[in-house]
Amino acid sequence: MPSMPEPPDLGEPLDPLPKEFAALMRPEVPGLIKEIRVEVQRAYPVYARLLNGPNADAIRQGVEQALATFVDRVADPGTSSVLRDELLRKFGRVEAYEGRDLDTLQGAYRLGARIALRRAKTMGRQYNLSPSLILAFADALFAYVDELEAVAREGYAEVQERAPSELSALRRKLLHLILVGSPLPQATIAELCEQASWELPAQCTLVALRAPAPDHVRACLDRDVLADLGIPQPHLLIPGPLTPQRLAMLESALAGAPAVIGLTVPPPQAADSIRWARKVLQLIDDGIVPDGPVVHCEDHLTTLWLLSDPALVTHIAARELAPLSGLGGARRGRLVETLRVHIATRAPAEQVGEVLGVHAQTVRYRLRNLDARLGDRITDPDHRFALEAALRSLHLQGNDYAE
């Protein structure tokens, strides 16, 4: 019985593509990138966040390199793929970090290949290319996709093989460096982000927790949230703004544990955000800011500012209220409280009296007394502003300046 012929190796093109074909393909690459982006987001909504997030440019660069390297190889089979491989390994690492298997990424690769093949067929009709050339293109394209998948698999395996404790330690180190406050070389941050399989966002939201942080918090956080929970001032860094989905995740993870959400800021300002959040947490403990399961720093910015330096505020108040220093404590306290409400509300005597619980005529008497003693300190814009800020701060501290 005659032996059957050996089947062709499907991992290699059936026929080499002519180098001239690269010149036809190259102008198609920009439009092809846009089409692949749209189709991938439609077919795989999980990628919409990455393709529209702070790292969209890096992802676009990876797709560009993958397509450009294919075209360059047609023109010159010896073209290097070092840059392409570096970018595609990152794709694999991101998939591992996000907790997905490689099926989704492989599906996206193959969808991109089908889109490219569809465009090649259109080019074939446009330039009257032979069917055998289009067949050779298809064979080379899907062999190339196998190569892309293999490179991404290398990055995926790097993360899978890394011990979870090592990854956690790297991310804690990264969080610490972000919160150092002083500018760090971009290369240093980029290298550590690479090692920790974490993408540096354009913005981040800091969260201050009260120690000790509950044990269950870490397990309920999104995979890209950086956390340092076993320290005297536990805290979190959430990439990006606090969307409703992120807030729901945070509230579920905290399960009622007290926390203050800081402002959303660029990473270089993260140290300020966590400092303000911790200050609000302290003001809650002091009874100045109302407590709640999750308190937003955004709601208490004026309070933060007014209480940023209590000693300085006391000095300003003493300077501005110096003409009242000769009065007895109780009388001085009544005048100062009347002045605080009057400056804060700009209301007529009747309304000020309602706030203070005294007759309007009493308010008028006190205001005349204040006017006689303070003079233009009440009407001068700079003195009036200093008085209002100082008195608001003292009131927040529970100090009526009666002493």
Protein backbone atom coordinates (compact mmCIF):
# COMPACT_ATOMS: atom_id res chain seq x y z
CA MET A 1 0.00 0.00 0.00
CA PRO A 2 1.55 3.34 -1.03
CA SER A 3 2.42 5.70 1.82
CA MET A 4 0.41 8.88 2.26
CA PRO A 5 2.27 12.19 1.62
CA GLU A 6 3.34 14.16 4.69
CA PRO A 7 0.84 16.95 5.54
CA PRO A 8 2.22 20.48 5.42
CA ASP A 9 3.38 22.08 8.68
CA LEU A 10 0.47 24.39 9.41
CA GLY A 11 2.65 26.50 11.66
CA GLU A 12 4.49 27.89 8.60
CA PRO A 13 3.07 29.79 5.61
CA LEU A 14 2.16 27.60 2.65
CA ASP A 15 3.94 30.08 0.40
CA PRO A 16 6.19 33.01 1.31
CA LEU A 17 4.54 36.38 1.01
CA PRO A 18 6.19 38.63 -1.56
CA LYS A 19 8.07 41.51 0.01
CA GLU A 20 6.12 43.95 -2.14
CA PHE A 21 2.97 42.99 -0.22
CA ALA A 22 4.29 44.95 2.78
CA ALA A 23 3.95 48.20 0.85
CA LEU A 24 0.25 47.48 0.30
CA MET A 25 -0.37 46.53 3.93
CA ARG A 26 1.45 49.38 5.68
CA PRO A 27 -1.05 52.19 4.86
CA GLU A 28 -3.85 49.98 6.17
CA VAL A 29 -2.39 49.62 9.68
CA PRO A 30 -3.78 52.84 11.31
CA GLY A 31 -7.33 52.16 10.17
CA LEU A 32 -6.99 48.50 11.11
CA ILE A 33 -5.97 49.45 14.67
CA LYS A 34 -9.11 51.57 15.07
CA GLU A 35 -11.33 48.82 13.70
CA ILE A 36 -9.79 46.18 15.96
CA ARG A 37 -10.23 48.46 19.00
CA VAL A 38 -13.95 48.92 18.28
CA GLU A 39 -14.61 45.25 17.57
CA VAL A 40 -12.63 43.97 20.56
CA GLN A 41 -14.51 46.26 22.96
CA ARG A 42 -17.80 45.10 21.48
CA ALA A 43 -16.93 41.41 21.70
CA TYR A 44 -15.02 41.61 25.02
CA PRO A 45 -16.47 44.39 27.23
CA VAL A 46 -13.95 43.48 29.94
CA TYR A 47 -11.30 45.22 27.84
CA ALA A 48 -13.22 48.50 27.54
CA ARG A 49 -11.80 49.73 30.87
CA LEU A 50 -8.23 49.01 29.80
CA LEU A 51 -8.65 50.43 26.28
CA ASN A 52 -10.16 53.65 27.64
CA GLY A 53 -8.14 53.96 30.83
CA PRO A 54 -4.89 55.71 31.71
CA ASN A 55 -2.86 52.96 30.02
CA ALA A 56 -4.72 53.13 26.71
CA ASP A 57 -1.63 54.55 24.97
CA ALA A 58 0.53 51.66 26.14
CA ILE A 59 -2.04 49.14 24.91
CA ARG A 60 -2.32 50.93 21.56
CA GLN A 61 1.47 50.86 21.28
CA GLY A 62 1.43 47.10 21.88
CA VAL A 63 -1.18 46.54 19.16
CA GLU A 64 0.74 48.82 16.80
CA GLN A 65 3.95 46.89 17.43
CA ALA A 66 2.25 43.56 16.82
CA LEU A 67 0.87 44.70 13.47
CA ALA A 68 3.96 46.65 12.44
CA THR A 69 6.26 43.72 13.20
CA PHE A 70 4.14 41.45 11.00
CA VAL A 71 4.37 43.91 8.10
CA ASP A 72 8.07 44.52 8.69
CA ARG A 73 8.74 40.78 8.59
CA VAL A 74 7.10 40.54 5.20
CA ALA A 75 9.44 43.27 3.96
CA ASP A 76 12.43 41.86 5.87
CA PRO A 77 12.14 38.41 7.52
CA GLY A 78 15.05 39.26 9.82
CA THR A 79 13.18 42.09 11.59
CA SER A 80 13.66 42.08 15.38
CA SER A 81 10.64 41.50 17.63
CA VAL A 82 12.26 42.51 20.95
CA LEU A 83 10.06 45.57 21.55
CA ARG A 84 6.93 43.72 20.48
CA ASP A 85 7.70 40.82 22.82
CA GLU A 86 8.28 43.16 25.75
CA LEU A 87 4.88 44.79 25.24
CA LEU A 88 3.01 41.54 24.68
CA ARG A 89 4.46 39.95 27.81
CA LYS A 90 2.87 42.85 29.68
CA PHE A 91 -0.48 41.86 28.15
CA GLY A 92 -0.02 38.38 29.59
CA ARG A 93 0.97 39.75 32.98
CA VAL A 94 -2.12 41.98 33.08
CA GLU A 95 -4.37 38.99 32.34
CA ALA A 96 -2.83 37.05 35.23
CA TYR A 97 -3.06 40.07 37.51
CA GLU A 98 -6.72 40.63 36.61
CA GLY A 99 -7.49 37.01 37.44
CA ARG A 100 -8.49 35.93 33.92
CA ASP A 101 -7.27 32.90 32.03
CA LEU A 102 -5.68 33.43 28.62
CA ASP A 103 -8.79 32.42 26.66
CA THR A 104 -10.08 35.99 26.58
CA LEU A 105 -6.80 37.45 25.33
CA GLN A 106 -6.42 34.67 22.77
CA GLY A 107 -9.94 35.33 21.57
CA ALA A 108 -9.13 39.01 21.17
CA TYR A 109 -5.99 38.15 19.19
CA ARG A 110 -7.91 35.87 16.85
CA LEU A 111 -10.68 38.43 16.42
CA GLY A 112 -8.02 40.93 15.37
CA ALA A 113 -6.64 38.39 12.90
CA ARG A 114 -10.09 37.83 11.35
CA ILE A 115 -10.53 41.59 10.96
CA ALA A 116 -7.11 41.82 9.31
CA LEU A 117 -7.97 38.94 6.98
CA ARG A 118 -11.25 40.61 6.04
CA ARG A 119 -9.34 43.75 5.13
CA ALA A 120 -6.81 41.70 3.13
CA LYS A 121 -9.62 40.20 1.09
CA THR A 122 -10.88 43.71 0.34
CA MET A 123 -7.35 44.65 -0.73
CA GLY A 124 -7.26 41.54 -2.91
CA ARG A 125 -10.30 42.68 -4.86
CA GLN A 126 -8.98 46.24 -5.00
CA TYR A 127 -5.55 45.26 -6.35
CA ASN A 128 -6.65 42.10 -8.18
CA LEU A 129 -4.43 39.89 -6.00
CA SER A 130 -4.39 36.16 -6.60
CA PRO A 131 -6.38 33.83 -4.29
CA SER A 132 -3.17 31.93 -3.52
CA LEU A 133 -1.61 35.13 -2.17
CA ILE A 134 -4.57 35.77 0.11
CA LEU A 135 -4.40 32.13 1.26
CA ALA A 136 -0.71 32.52 2.02
CA PHE A 137 -1.48 35.72 3.92
CA ALA A 138 -4.13 33.96 6.02
CA ASP A 139 -1.79 31.09 6.79
CA ALA A 140 1.04 33.45 7.78
CA LEU A 141 -1.31 35.62 9.83
CA PHE A 142 -2.70 32.83 12.00
CA ALA A 143 0.77 31.35 12.47
CA TYR A 144 1.80 34.81 13.64
CA VAL A 145 -1.13 34.91 16.09
CA ASP A 146 0.12 31.62 17.58
CA GLU A 147 3.45 33.37 18.11
CA LEU A 148 1.79 36.34 19.82
CA GLU A 149 -0.10 34.01 22.12
CA ALA A 150 3.10 32.21 23.06
CA VAL A 151 4.79 35.49 24.00
CA ALA A 152 1.81 36.62 26.09
CA ARG A 153 1.82 33.21 27.77
CA GLU A 154 5.39 33.88 28.95
CA GLY A 155 4.28 37.02 30.79
CA TYR A 156 1.26 35.20 32.19
CA ALA A 157 3.47 32.42 33.53
CA GLU A 158 5.80 34.92 35.23
CA VAL A 159 2.97 36.14 37.44
CA GLN A 160 1.50 32.68 38.00
CA GLU A 161 4.84 31.35 39.18
CA ARG A 162 5.53 34.24 41.51
CA ALA A 163 4.65 33.58 45.15
CA PRO A 164 1.63 35.58 46.35
CA SER A 165 3.62 36.85 49.32
CA GLU A 166 6.30 38.21 46.99
CA LEU A 167 3.73 40.04 44.89
CA SER A 168 2.08 41.51 48.00
CA ALA A 169 5.43 42.70 49.29
CA LEU A 170 6.22 44.36 45.95
CA ARG A 171 2.89 46.15 45.93
CA ARG A 172 3.31 47.36 49.50
CA LYS A 173 6.73 48.70 48.52
CA LEU A 174 5.18 50.40 45.50
CA LEU A 175 2.47 51.95 47.69
CA HIS A 176 5.10 53.18 50.12
CA LEU A 177 7.11 54.81 47.32
CA ILE A 178 4.02 56.51 45.90
CA LEU A 179 3.25 57.96 49.35
CA VAL A 180 6.79 59.16 50.01
CA GLY A 181 5.73 62.54 48.68
CA SER A 182 8.98 63.54 46.99
CA PRO A 183 9.23 63.01 43.22
CA LEU A 184 10.81 59.70 42.27
CA PRO A 185 12.47 58.89 38.95
CA GLN A 186 9.82 57.71 36.52
CA ALA A 187 12.01 54.74 35.63
CA THR A 188 12.04 53.60 39.27
CA ILE A 189 8.24 53.63 39.53
CA ALA A 190 7.84 52.05 36.09
CA GLU A 191 10.23 49.21 36.95
CA LEU A 192 8.47 48.46 40.23
CA CYS A 193 5.06 48.63 38.54
CA GLU A 194 6.35 46.08 36.06
CA GLN A 195 7.60 43.78 38.81
CA ALA A 196 4.36 44.14 40.78
CA SER A 197 2.12 43.63 37.72
CA TRP A 198 0.40 46.92 38.45
CA GLU A 199 -0.41 49.79 36.10
CA LEU A 200 0.25 53.31 37.37
CA PRO A 201 -3.02 55.25 36.94
CA ALA A 202 -3.40 58.89 35.97
CA GLN A 203 -5.38 59.43 39.19
CA CYS A 204 -5.86 57.54 42.43
CA THR A 205 -8.10 57.65 45.49
CA LEU A 206 -6.61 57.14 48.95
CA VAL A 207 -8.52 55.64 51.87
CA ALA A 208 -7.52 55.91 55.54
CA LEU A 209 -8.70 53.16 57.92
CA ARG A 210 -8.72 53.05 61.69
CA ALA A 211 -6.37 50.47 63.18
CA PRO A 212 -6.58 47.58 63.51
CA ALA A 213 -7.99 46.94 60.03
CA PRO A 214 -10.35 43.92 59.96
CA ASP A 215 -8.85 40.73 58.56
CA HIS A 216 -11.58 40.33 55.95
CA VAL A 217 -10.86 43.62 54.15
CA ARG A 218 -8.03 42.45 51.89
CA ALA A 219 -9.90 39.45 50.49
CA CYS A 220 -12.80 41.63 49.32
CA LEU A 221 -10.80 44.32 47.54
CA ASP A 222 -10.48 44.58 43.77
CA ARG A 223 -7.25 43.03 42.49
CA ASP A 224 -5.72 46.36 41.51
CA VAL A 225 -6.21 48.04 44.91
CA LEU A 226 -2.95 48.55 46.78
CA ALA A 227 -3.21 47.99 50.53
CA ASP A 228 -1.07 48.17 53.65
CA LEU A 229 -3.28 47.01 56.49
CA GLY A 230 -0.98 45.64 59.17
CA ILE A 231 0.44 49.01 60.27
CA PRO A 232 -0.62 51.62 62.85
CA GLN A 233 -2.20 53.76 60.10
CA PRO A 234 -3.66 51.28 57.57
CA HIS A 235 -4.56 52.64 54.17
CA LEU A 236 -5.61 51.76 50.64
CA LEU A 237 -4.92 53.16 47.18
CA ILE A 238 -7.70 52.71 44.64
CA PRO A 239 -6.64 53.38 41.04
CA GLY A 240 -8.76 56.05 39.37
CA PRO A 241 -11.75 57.97 40.73
CA LEU A 242 -14.19 56.46 43.19
CA THR A 243 -16.89 55.25 40.80
CA PRO A 244 -20.17 53.82 42.16
CA GLN A 245 -18.78 50.35 41.46
CA ARG A 246 -15.58 51.09 43.38
CA LEU A 247 -17.56 52.57 46.27
CA ALA A 248 -19.77 49.48 46.44
CA MET A 249 -16.65 47.30 46.48
CA LEU A 250 -15.11 49.39 49.25
CA GLU A 251 -18.24 49.39 51.42
CA SER A 252 -18.56 45.62 51.00
CA ALA A 253 -14.90 45.09 51.92
CA LEU A 254 -15.07 47.36 54.97
CA ALA A 255 -18.36 45.83 56.20
CA GLY A 256 -18.95 48.77 58.55
CA ALA A 257 -15.34 49.34 59.60
CA PRO A 258 -14.64 53.11 59.87
CA ALA A 259 -12.79 54.69 56.95
CA VAL A 260 -12.23 58.10 55.40
CA ILE A 261 -12.04 58.43 51.62
CA GLY A 262 -9.46 60.98 50.56
CA LEU A 263 -9.49 63.15 47.47
CA THR A 264 -8.87 61.70 44.02
CA VAL A 265 -5.50 63.08 42.93
CA PRO A 266 -2.60 62.30 40.55
CA PRO A 267 -0.14 59.83 42.13
CA PRO A 268 2.45 62.55 42.96
CA GLN A 269 -0.18 64.13 45.27
CA ALA A 270 -1.17 60.87 46.96
CA ALA A 271 0.75 61.77 50.13
CA ASP A 272 -1.40 64.90 50.56
CA SER A 273 -4.62 62.95 50.00
CA ILE A 274 -3.86 60.33 52.65
CA ARG A 275 -2.67 63.03 55.07
CA TRP A 276 -5.97 64.88 54.74
CA ALA A 277 -7.95 61.64 55.09
CA ARG A 278 -6.08 60.75 58.29
CA LYS A 279 -6.70 64.24 59.65
CA VAL A 280 -10.45 63.80 59.07
CA LEU A 281 -10.24 60.44 60.85
CA GLN A 282 -8.65 62.23 63.81
CA LEU A 283 -11.36 64.93 63.72
CA ILE A 284 -13.97 62.16 63.90
CA ASP A 285 -12.24 60.77 66.99
CA ASP A 286 -12.21 64.31 68.45
CA GLY A 287 -15.95 64.66 67.90
CA ILE A 288 -15.58 67.54 65.44
CA VAL A 289 -16.59 65.69 62.26
CA PRO A 290 -19.67 63.42 62.45
CA ASP A 291 -18.86 59.72 62.38
CA GLY A 292 -20.12 57.30 59.78
CA PRO A 293 -19.12 53.96 58.21
CA VAL A 294 -17.51 55.76 55.26
CA VAL A 295 -16.75 59.49 55.48
CA HIS A 296 -15.72 61.51 52.43
CA CYS A 297 -12.87 63.94 52.90
CA GLU A 298 -14.42 66.03 50.11
CA ASP A 299 -17.28 66.98 52.45
CA HIS A 300 -14.99 68.50 55.08
CA LEU A 301 -12.36 70.50 53.21
CA THR A 302 -13.19 73.82 54.89
CA THR A 303 -13.02 72.21 58.30
CA LEU A 304 -9.65 70.68 57.41
CA TRP A 305 -8.35 74.07 56.34
CA LEU A 306 -9.65 75.93 59.40
CA LEU A 307 -8.15 73.35 61.76
CA SER A 308 -4.86 72.86 59.90
CA ASP A 309 -2.94 74.93 62.51
CA PRO A 310 -4.95 75.54 65.73
CA ALA A 311 -2.10 77.40 67.44
CA LEU A 312 -1.86 79.87 64.57
CA VAL A 313 -5.64 80.36 64.54
CA THR A 314 -5.58 81.12 68.27
CA HIS A 315 -2.83 83.69 67.68
CA ILE A 316 -4.82 85.36 64.86
CA ALA A 317 -7.94 85.47 67.02
CA ALA A 318 -6.00 87.02 69.91
CA ARG A 319 -4.61 89.69 67.60
CA GLU A 320 -7.91 90.59 65.99
CA LEU A 321 -9.86 90.54 69.28
CA ALA A 322 -7.20 92.37 71.29
CA PRO A 323 -9.52 95.39 71.93
CA LEU A 324 -11.80 93.03 73.91
CA SER A 325 -9.04 91.70 76.14
CA GLY A 326 -9.90 94.02 79.04
CA LEU A 327 -13.43 92.63 79.41
CA GLY A 328 -14.51 89.92 81.82
CA GLY A 329 -14.56 86.37 80.48
CA ALA A 330 -18.34 85.91 80.35
CA ARG A 331 -18.99 89.29 78.76
CA ARG A 332 -16.19 88.83 76.25
CA GLY A 333 -17.54 85.39 75.38
CA ARG A 334 -21.03 86.78 74.64
CA LEU A 335 -19.62 89.53 72.43
CA VAL A 336 -17.37 87.13 70.52
CA GLU A 337 -20.21 84.68 69.91
CA THR A 338 -22.44 87.50 68.67
CA LEU A 339 -19.64 88.70 66.40
CA ARG A 340 -19.12 85.18 65.01
CA VAL A 341 -22.77 84.72 64.07
CA HIS A 342 -23.06 88.27 62.73
CA ILE A 343 -20.00 87.93 60.46
CA ALA A 344 -20.89 84.41 59.34
CA THR A 345 -24.55 85.11 58.48
CA ARG A 346 -24.54 88.79 57.48
CA ALA A 347 -28.08 88.61 58.83
CA PRO A 348 -30.10 91.39 60.50
CA ALA A 349 -30.27 91.59 64.28
CA GLU A 350 -33.58 89.69 64.44
CA GLN A 351 -32.12 86.61 62.77
CA VAL A 352 -28.88 86.78 64.74
CA GLY A 353 -31.00 86.95 67.88
CA GLU A 354 -32.91 83.84 66.85
CA VAL A 355 -29.64 81.94 66.38
CA LEU A 356 -28.30 83.10 69.75
CA GLY A 357 -31.62 82.81 71.58
CA VAL A 358 -31.65 86.48 72.65
CA HIS A 359 -33.75 89.55 71.83
CA ALA A 360 -32.88 91.54 68.73
CA GLN A 361 -32.37 94.64 70.89
CA THR A 362 -29.69 92.76 72.84
CA VAL A 363 -27.97 91.91 69.58
CA ARG A 364 -28.02 95.58 68.50
CA TYR A 365 -26.55 96.62 71.84
CA ARG A 366 -23.74 94.09 71.53
CA LEU A 367 -23.00 95.08 67.93
CA ARG A 368 -22.74 98.75 68.93
CA ASN A 369 -20.38 97.72 71.70
CA LEU A 370 -18.31 95.68 69.26
CA ASP A 371 -18.25 98.50 66.74
CA ALA A 372 -17.01 100.91 69.38
CA ARG A 373 -14.22 98.60 70.47
CA LEU A 374 -13.18 96.99 67.16
CA GLY A 375 -13.83 99.89 64.79
CA ASP A 376 -12.77 99.16 61.22
CA ARG A 377 -11.69 95.61 62.09
CA ILE A 378 -15.30 94.64 61.37
CA THR A 379 -15.61 96.53 58.08
CA ASP A 380 -12.08 96.20 56.67
CA PRO A 381 -12.10 93.18 54.26
CA ASP A 382 -8.79 91.71 55.42
CA HIS A 383 -9.53 92.02 59.16
CA ARG A 384 -13.10 90.80 58.65
CA PHE A 385 -11.88 87.71 56.76
CA ALA A 386 -9.26 86.97 59.44
CA LEU A 387 -11.89 87.36 62.16
CA GLU A 388 -14.38 85.07 60.42
CA ALA A 389 -11.81 82.34 59.71
CA ALA A 390 -10.41 82.46 63.26
CA LEU A 391 -13.83 82.48 64.93
CA ARG A 392 -15.12 79.63 62.75
CA SER A 393 -12.05 77.58 63.65
CA LEU A 394 -12.39 78.29 67.37
CA HIS A 395 -16.06 77.39 67.23
CA LEU A 396 -15.24 74.07 65.55
CA GLN A 397 -12.82 73.37 68.38
CA GLY A 398 -15.48 74.22 70.95
CA ASN A 399 -13.59 77.33 72.11
CA ASP A 400 -15.80 80.43 72.50
CA TYR A 401 -12.80 82.57 73.48
CA ALA A 402 -14.42 83.42 76.79
CA GLU A 403 -11.13 83.07 78.62
